[in-house]
Amino acid sequence: TVVDSATGVTRQIPWTEGMKLYAATKTGEANAALKAVQILRGSRVIATTDTARLAANAPGPALQAGDVIKLGQLAGR
């Protein structure tokens, strides 16, 4: 699940074995204006990163089934 905190839009994306954060944000058609990404696993924040750090050759952490990806602004902006 990819959640855009600016619009409230939630997109369900199919999880696949070995899926990384970069692929999930591309599949979920993430809003490019949103700069912060959090991975929520249950009630815990597993990772937080800046979208500028994600790329095909640096795809971020592996996801697990049921993870929620929350997109938002960086703190202080």
PDB file of N, CA and C in Angstrom:
ATOM      1  N   THR A   1       0.846  -1.186   0.000  1.00  0.00           N
ATOM      2  CA  THR A   1       0.000   0.000   0.000  1.00  0.00           C
ATOM      3  C   THR A   1       0.881   1.235   0.000  1.00  0.00           C
ATOM      4  N   VAL A   2       0.593   2.169  -0.891  1.00  0.00           N
ATOM      5  CA  VAL A   2       1.303   3.445  -0.951  1.00  0.00           C
ATOM      6  C   VAL A   2       0.302   4.535  -0.583  1.00  0.00           C
ATOM      7  N   VAL A   3       0.637   5.348   0.433  1.00  0.00           N
ATOM      8  CA  VAL A   3      -0.239   6.413   0.910  1.00  0.00           C
ATOM      9  C   VAL A   3       0.415   7.756   0.621  1.00  0.00           C
ATOM     10  N   ASP A   4      -0.290   8.621  -0.095  1.00  0.00           N
ATOM     11  CA  ASP A   4       0.168   9.981  -0.380  1.00  0.00           C
ATOM     12  C   ASP A   4      -0.427  10.880   0.696  1.00  0.00           C
ATOM     13  N   SER A   5       0.387  11.347   1.635  1.00  0.00           N
ATOM     14  CA  SER A   5      -0.136  12.121   2.757  1.00  0.00           C
ATOM     15  C   SER A   5      -0.625  13.506   2.343  1.00  0.00           C
ATOM     16  N   ALA A   6      -0.208  14.009   1.192  1.00  0.00           N
ATOM     17  CA  ALA A   6      -0.655  15.325   0.724  1.00  0.00           C
ATOM     18  C   ALA A   6      -2.092  15.280   0.214  1.00  0.00           C
ATOM     19  N   THR A   7      -2.446  14.194  -0.462  1.00  0.00           N
ATOM     20  CA  THR A   7      -3.775  14.094  -1.069  1.00  0.00           C
ATOM     21  C   THR A   7      -4.686  13.109  -0.350  1.00  0.00           C
ATOM     22  N   GLY A   8      -4.099  12.231   0.447  1.00  0.00           N
ATOM     23  CA  GLY A   8      -4.880  11.193   1.104  1.00  0.00           C
ATOM     24  C   GLY A   8      -5.141   9.989   0.214  1.00  0.00           C
ATOM     25  N   VAL A   9      -4.631  10.021  -1.010  1.00  0.00           N
ATOM     26  CA  VAL A   9      -4.841   8.920  -1.953  1.00  0.00           C
ATOM     27  C   VAL A   9      -4.041   7.701  -1.502  1.00  0.00           C
ATOM     28  N   THR A  10      -4.706   6.560  -1.507  1.00  0.00           N
ATOM     29  CA  THR A  10      -4.076   5.289  -1.158  1.00  0.00           C
ATOM     30  C   THR A  10      -4.140   4.382  -2.374  1.00  0.00           C
ATOM     31  N   ARG A  11      -3.012   3.785  -2.722  1.00  0.00           N
ATOM     32  CA  ARG A  11      -2.964   2.847  -3.853  1.00  0.00           C
ATOM     33  C   ARG A  11      -2.504   1.485  -3.343  1.00  0.00           C
ATOM     34  N   GLN A  12      -3.256   0.475  -3.696  1.00  0.00           N
ATOM     35  CA  GLN A  12      -2.868  -0.895  -3.387  1.00  0.00           C
ATOM     36  C   GLN A  12      -1.982  -1.383  -4.525  1.00  0.00           C
ATOM     37  N   ILE A  13      -0.812  -1.866  -4.178  1.00  0.00           N
ATOM     38  CA  ILE A  13       0.073  -2.425  -5.196  1.00  0.00           C
ATOM     39  C   ILE A  13       0.378  -3.868  -4.827  1.00  0.00           C
ATOM     40  N   PRO A  14       0.519  -4.728  -5.810  1.00  0.00           N
ATOM     41  CA  PRO A  14       0.821  -6.124  -5.500  1.00  0.00           C
ATOM     42  C   PRO A  14       2.261  -6.268  -5.000  1.00  0.00           C
ATOM     43  N   TRP A  15       2.417  -6.897  -3.859  1.00  0.00           N
ATOM     44  CA  TRP A  15       3.745  -7.161  -3.320  1.00  0.00           C
ATOM     45  C   TRP A  15       4.309  -8.389  -4.019  1.00  0.00           C
ATOM     46  N   THR A  16       5.601  -8.337  -4.340  1.00  0.00           N
ATOM     47  CA  THR A  16       6.282  -9.497  -4.904  1.00  0.00           C
ATOM     48  C   THR A  16       7.560  -9.745  -4.113  1.00  0.00           C
ATOM     49  N   GLU A  17       7.961 -10.970  -4.043  1.00  0.00           N
ATOM     50  CA  GLU A  17       9.185 -11.358  -3.337  1.00  0.00           C
ATOM     51  C   GLU A  17      10.356 -10.527  -3.842  1.00  0.00           C
ATOM     52  N   GLY A  18      11.113  -9.936  -2.934  1.00  0.00           N
ATOM     53  CA  GLY A  18      12.292  -9.161  -3.293  1.00  0.00           C
ATOM     54  C   GLY A  18      12.007  -7.716  -3.689  1.00  0.00           C
ATOM     55  N   MET A  19      10.742  -7.295  -3.612  1.00  0.00           N
ATOM     56  CA  MET A  19      10.395  -5.918  -3.988  1.00  0.00           C
ATOM     57  C   MET A  19      11.123  -4.924  -3.095  1.00  0.00           C
ATOM     58  N   LYS A  20      11.665  -3.886  -3.717  1.00  0.00           N
ATOM     59  CA  LYS A  20      12.382  -2.828  -2.987  1.00  0.00           C
ATOM     60  C   LYS A  20      11.544  -1.551  -2.989  1.00  0.00           C
ATOM     61  N   LEU A  21      11.905  -0.638  -2.127  1.00  0.00           N
ATOM     62  CA  LEU A  21      11.170   0.610  -1.968  1.00  0.00           C
ATOM     63  C   LEU A  21      11.056   1.387  -3.279  1.00  0.00           C
ATOM     64  N   TYR A  22      12.130   1.476  -4.042  1.00  0.00           N
ATOM     65  CA  TYR A  22      12.123   2.213  -5.315  1.00  0.00           C
ATOM     66  C   TYR A  22      11.041   1.671  -6.248  1.00  0.00           C
ATOM     67  N   ALA A  23      10.994   0.370  -6.419  1.00  0.00           N
ATOM     68  CA  ALA A  23      10.008  -0.241  -7.315  1.00  0.00           C
ATOM     69  C   ALA A  23       8.590   0.015  -6.827  1.00  0.00           C
ATOM     70  N   ALA A  24       8.382  -0.050  -5.527  1.00  0.00           N
ATOM     71  CA  ALA A  24       7.044   0.168  -4.981  1.00  0.00           C
ATOM     72  C   ALA A  24       6.577   1.600  -5.204  1.00  0.00           C
ATOM     73  N   THR A  25       7.467   2.574  -5.047  1.00  0.00           N
ATOM     74  CA  THR A  25       7.057   3.963  -5.262  1.00  0.00           C
ATOM     75  C   THR A  25       6.773   4.219  -6.735  1.00  0.00           C
ATOM     76  N   LYS A  26       7.494   3.567  -7.631  1.00  0.00           N
ATOM     77  CA  LYS A  26       7.229   3.720  -9.068  1.00  0.00           C
ATOM     78  C   LYS A  26       5.922   3.025  -9.451  1.00  0.00           C
ATOM     79  N   THR A  27       5.706   1.830  -8.934  1.00  0.00           N
ATOM     80  CA  THR A  27       4.485   1.082  -9.219  1.00  0.00           C
ATOM     81  C   THR A  27       3.267   1.810  -8.666  1.00  0.00           C
ATOM     82  N   GLY A  28       3.425   2.409  -7.490  1.00  0.00           N
ATOM     83  CA  GLY A  28       2.330   3.136  -6.857  1.00  0.00           C
ATOM     84  C   GLY A  28       2.148   4.538  -7.379  1.00  0.00           C
ATOM     85  N   GLU A  29       2.886   4.899  -8.429  1.00  0.00           N
ATOM     86  CA  GLU A  29       2.800   6.219  -9.054  1.00  0.00           C
ATOM     87  C   GLU A  29       2.923   7.320  -8.009  1.00  0.00           C
ATOM     88  N   ALA A  30       4.003   7.281  -7.264  1.00  0.00           N
ATOM     89  CA  ALA A  30       4.236   8.236  -6.180  1.00  0.00           C
ATOM     90  C   ALA A  30       4.316   9.664  -6.696  1.00  0.00           C
ATOM     91  N   ASN A  31       3.785  10.576  -5.925  1.00  0.00           N
ATOM     92  CA  ASN A  31       3.829  12.007  -6.222  1.00  0.00           C
ATOM     93  C   ASN A  31       5.272  12.479  -6.089  1.00  0.00           C
ATOM     94  N   ALA A  32       5.876  12.903  -7.185  1.00  0.00           N
ATOM     95  CA  ALA A  32       7.294  13.293  -7.188  1.00  0.00           C
ATOM     96  C   ALA A  32       7.579  14.506  -6.318  1.00  0.00           C
ATOM     97  N   ALA A  33       6.555  15.307  -6.014  1.00  0.00           N
ATOM     98  CA  ALA A  33       6.756  16.497  -5.178  1.00  0.00           C
ATOM     99  C   ALA A  33       6.954  16.131  -3.710  1.00  0.00           C
ATOM    100  N   LEU A  34       6.555  14.929  -3.333  1.00  0.00           N
ATOM    101  CA  LEU A  34       6.700  14.503  -1.942  1.00  0.00           C
ATOM    102  C   LEU A  34       8.097  13.943  -1.750  1.00  0.00           C
ATOM    103  N   LYS A  35       8.808  14.446  -0.779  1.00  0.00           N
ATOM    104  CA  LYS A  35      10.232  14.168  -0.652  1.00  0.00           C
ATOM    105  C   LYS A  35      10.602  13.137   0.402  1.00  0.00           C
ATOM    106  N   ALA A  36       9.697  12.831   1.314  1.00  0.00           N
ATOM    107  CA  ALA A  36      10.030  11.886   2.377  1.00  0.00           C
ATOM    108  C   ALA A  36       9.238  10.596   2.199  1.00  0.00           C
ATOM    109  N   VAL A  37       9.874   9.492   2.508  1.00  0.00           N
ATOM    110  CA  VAL A  37       9.237   8.186   2.422  1.00  0.00           C
ATOM    111  C   VAL A  37       9.455   7.460   3.742  1.00  0.00           C
ATOM    112  N   GLN A  38       8.377   6.906   4.290  1.00  0.00           N
ATOM    113  CA  GLN A  38       8.479   6.057   5.480  1.00  0.00           C
ATOM    114  C   GLN A  38       7.925   4.690   5.128  1.00  0.00           C
ATOM    115  N   ILE A  39       8.564   3.659   5.669  1.00  0.00           N
ATOM    116  CA  ILE A  39       8.023   2.309   5.562  1.00  0.00           C
ATOM    117  C   ILE A  39       7.466   1.959   6.933  1.00  0.00           C
ATOM    118  N   LEU A  40       6.178   1.640   6.968  1.00  0.00           N
ATOM    119  CA  LEU A  40       5.517   1.239   8.204  1.00  0.00           C
ATOM    120  C   LEU A  40       5.259  -0.258   8.148  1.00  0.00           C
ATOM    121  N   ARG A  41       5.680  -0.949   9.170  1.00  0.00           N
ATOM    122  CA  ARG A  41       5.461  -2.392   9.280  1.00  0.00           C
ATOM    123  C   ARG A  41       4.711  -2.601  10.586  1.00  0.00           C
ATOM    124  N   GLY A  42       3.425  -2.858  10.464  1.00  0.00           N
ATOM    125  CA  GLY A  42       2.583  -2.890  11.659  1.00  0.00           C
ATOM    126  C   GLY A  42       2.500  -1.471  12.200  1.00  0.00           C
ATOM    127  N   SER A  43       2.813  -1.277  13.466  1.00  0.00           N
ATOM    128  CA  SER A  43       2.782   0.064  14.063  1.00  0.00           C
ATOM    129  C   SER A  43       4.172   0.689  14.141  1.00  0.00           C
ATOM    130  N   ARG A  44       5.173   0.025  13.577  1.00  0.00           N
ATOM    131  CA  ARG A  44       6.560   0.525  13.662  1.00  0.00           C
ATOM    132  C   ARG A  44       7.014   1.162  12.355  1.00  0.00           C
ATOM    133  N   VAL A  45       7.804   2.230  12.490  1.00  0.00           N
ATOM    134  CA  VAL A  45       8.465   2.830  11.328  1.00  0.00           C
ATOM    135  C   VAL A  45       9.763   2.054  11.118  1.00  0.00           C
ATOM    136  N   ILE A  46       9.879   1.378  10.002  1.00  0.00           N
ATOM    137  CA  ILE A  46      11.046   0.543   9.705  1.00  0.00           C
ATOM    138  C   ILE A  46      12.169   1.360   9.085  1.00  0.00           C
ATOM    139  N   ALA A  47      11.811   2.311   8.220  1.00  0.00           N
ATOM    140  CA  ALA A  47      12.824   3.126   7.540  1.00  0.00           C
ATOM    141  C   ALA A  47      12.208   4.450   7.127  1.00  0.00           C
ATOM    142  N   THR A  48      13.034   5.476   7.090  1.00  0.00           N
ATOM    143  CA  THR A  48      12.657   6.791   6.577  1.00  0.00           C
ATOM    144  C   THR A  48      13.786   7.251   5.669  1.00  0.00           C
ATOM    145  N   THR A  49      13.435   7.760   4.499  1.00  0.00           N
ATOM    146  CA  THR A  49      14.461   8.232   3.571  1.00  0.00           C
ATOM    147  C   THR A  49      13.923   9.383   2.735  1.00  0.00           C
ATOM    148  N   ASP A  50      14.811  10.042   2.060  1.00  0.00           N
ATOM    149  CA  ASP A  50      14.497  11.109   1.114  1.00  0.00           C
ATOM    150  C   ASP A  50      14.343  10.449  -0.259  1.00  0.00           C
ATOM    151  N   THR A  51      13.306  10.808  -0.998  1.00  0.00           N
ATOM    152  CA  THR A  51      13.093  10.183  -2.308  1.00  0.00           C
ATOM    153  C   THR A  51      14.257  10.424  -3.263  1.00  0.00           C
ATOM    154  N   ALA A  52      15.017  11.494  -3.054  1.00  0.00           N
ATOM    155  CA  ALA A  52      16.174  11.772  -3.913  1.00  0.00           C
ATOM    156  C   ALA A  52      17.249  10.701  -3.776  1.00  0.00           C
ATOM    157  N   ARG A  53      17.215   9.951  -2.703  1.00  0.00           N
ATOM    158  CA  ARG A  53      18.217   8.892  -2.491  1.00  0.00           C
ATOM    159  C   ARG A  53      17.830   7.574  -3.147  1.00  0.00           C
ATOM    160  N   LEU A  54      16.609   7.472  -3.631  1.00  0.00           N
ATOM    161  CA  LEU A  54      16.149   6.238  -4.258  1.00  0.00           C
ATOM    162  C   LEU A  54      16.406   6.285  -5.756  1.00  0.00           C
ATOM    163  N   ALA A  55      16.931   5.214  -6.278  1.00  0.00           N
ATOM    164  CA  ALA A  55      17.183   5.097  -7.716  1.00  0.00           C
ATOM    165  C   ALA A  55      17.219   3.615  -8.058  1.00  0.00           C
ATOM    166  N   ALA A  56      17.153   3.314  -9.327  1.00  0.00           N
ATOM    167  CA  ALA A  56      17.176   1.919  -9.755  1.00  0.00           C
ATOM    168  C   ALA A  56      18.421   1.199  -9.249  1.00  0.00           C
ATOM    169  N   ASN A  57      19.550   1.914  -9.178  1.00  0.00           N
ATOM    170  CA  ASN A  57      20.785   1.273  -8.709  1.00  0.00           C
ATOM    171  C   ASN A  57      20.975   1.411  -7.198  1.00  0.00           C
ATOM    172  N   ALA A  58      20.065   2.092  -6.516  1.00  0.00           N
ATOM    173  CA  ALA A  58      20.068   2.226  -5.049  1.00  0.00           C
ATOM    174  C   ALA A  58      18.611   2.188  -4.597  1.00  0.00           C
ATOM    175  N   PRO A  59      17.982   0.989  -4.684  1.00  0.00           N
ATOM    176  CA  PRO A  59      16.530   0.891  -4.556  1.00  0.00           C
ATOM    177  C   PRO A  59      15.959   0.943  -3.142  1.00  0.00           C
ATOM    178  N   GLY A  60      16.805   1.093  -2.143  1.00  0.00           N
ATOM    179  CA  GLY A  60      16.292   1.147  -0.773  1.00  0.00           C
ATOM    180  C   GLY A  60      16.032  -0.237  -0.215  1.00  0.00           C
ATOM    181  N   PRO A  61      15.429  -0.278   0.965  1.00  0.00           N
ATOM    182  CA  PRO A  61      15.241  -1.555   1.651  1.00  0.00           C
ATOM    183  C   PRO A  61      14.204  -2.455   0.980  1.00  0.00           C
ATOM    184  N   ALA A  62      14.346  -3.752   1.245  1.00  0.00           N
ATOM    185  CA  ALA A  62      13.372  -4.730   0.767  1.00  0.00           C
ATOM    186  C   ALA A  62      12.092  -4.591   1.575  1.00  0.00           C
ATOM    187  N   LEU A  63      10.975  -4.833   0.912  1.00  0.00           N
ATOM    188  CA  LEU A  63       9.676  -4.739   1.558  1.00  0.00           C
ATOM    189  C   LEU A  63       9.154  -6.123   1.893  1.00  0.00           C
ATOM    190  N   GLN A  64       8.232  -6.151   2.851  1.00  0.00           N
ATOM    191  CA  GLN A  64       7.547  -7.382   3.206  1.00  0.00           C
ATOM    192  C   GLN A  64       6.070  -7.208   2.904  1.00  0.00           C
ATOM    193  N   ALA A  65       5.378  -8.316   2.720  1.00  0.00           N
ATOM    194  CA  ALA A  65       3.934  -8.258   2.495  1.00  0.00           C
ATOM    195  C   ALA A  65       3.292  -7.503   3.651  1.00  0.00           C
ATOM    196  N   GLY A  66       2.383  -6.589   3.335  1.00  0.00           N
ATOM    197  CA  GLY A  66       1.681  -5.826   4.360  1.00  0.00           C
ATOM    198  C   GLY A  66       2.330  -4.510   4.734  1.00  0.00           C
ATOM    199  N   ASP A  67       3.543  -4.242   4.249  1.00  0.00           N
ATOM    200  CA  ASP A  67       4.189  -2.956   4.536  1.00  0.00           C
ATOM    201  C   ASP A  67       3.361  -1.824   3.930  1.00  0.00           C
ATOM    202  N   VAL A  68       3.375  -0.676   4.611  1.00  0.00           N
ATOM    203  CA  VAL A  68       2.714   0.530   4.114  1.00  0.00           C
ATOM    204  C   VAL A  68       3.803   1.556   3.829  1.00  0.00           C
ATOM    205  N   ILE A  69       3.749   2.153   2.653  1.00  0.00           N
ATOM    206  CA  ILE A  69       4.712   3.185   2.267  1.00  0.00           C
ATOM    207  C   ILE A  69       3.981   4.515   2.339  1.00  0.00           C
ATOM    208  N   LYS A  70       4.453   5.392   3.213  1.00  0.00           N
ATOM    209  CA  LYS A  70       3.823   6.696   3.409  1.00  0.00           C
ATOM    210  C   LYS A  70       4.717   7.769   2.813  1.00  0.00           C
ATOM    211  N   LEU A  71       4.158   8.559   1.911  1.00  0.00           N
ATOM    212  CA  LEU A  71       4.888   9.634   1.245  1.00  0.00           C
ATOM    213  C   LEU A  71       4.467  10.968   1.841  1.00  0.00           C
ATOM    214  N   GLY A  72       5.441  11.855   2.074  1.00  0.00           N
ATOM    215  CA  GLY A  72       5.122  13.166   2.632  1.00  0.00           C
ATOM    216  C   GLY A  72       6.238  14.149   2.385  1.00  0.00           C
ATOM    217  N   GLN A  73       6.182  15.269   3.078  1.00  0.00           N
ATOM    218  CA  GLN A  73       7.211  16.301   2.983  1.00  0.00           C
ATOM    219  C   GLN A  73       8.295  16.031   4.016  1.00  0.00           C
ATOM    220  N   LEU A  74       9.482  16.535   3.768  1.00  0.00           N
ATOM    221  CA  LEU A  74      10.556  16.451   4.747  1.00  0.00           C
ATOM    222  C   LEU A  74      10.225  17.377   5.909  1.00  0.00           C
ATOM    223  N   ALA A  75      10.636  17.023   7.096  1.00  0.00           N
ATOM    224  CA  ALA A  75      10.403  17.853   8.277  1.00  0.00           C
ATOM    225  C   ALA A  75      11.015  19.230   8.068  1.00  0.00           C
ATOM    226  N   GLY A  76      10.313  20.248   8.527  1.00  0.00           N
ATOM    227  CA  GLY A  76      10.830  21.602   8.423  1.00  0.00           C
ATOM    228  C   GLY A  76      10.511  22.289   7.116  1.00  0.00           C
ATOM    229  N   ARG A  77       9.693  21.660   6.263  1.00  0.00           N
ATOM    230  CA  ARG A  77       9.347  22.286   4.970  1.00  0.00           C
ATOM    231  C   ARG A  77       7.878  22.565   4.921  1.00  0.00           C
TER     232      ARG A  77
END
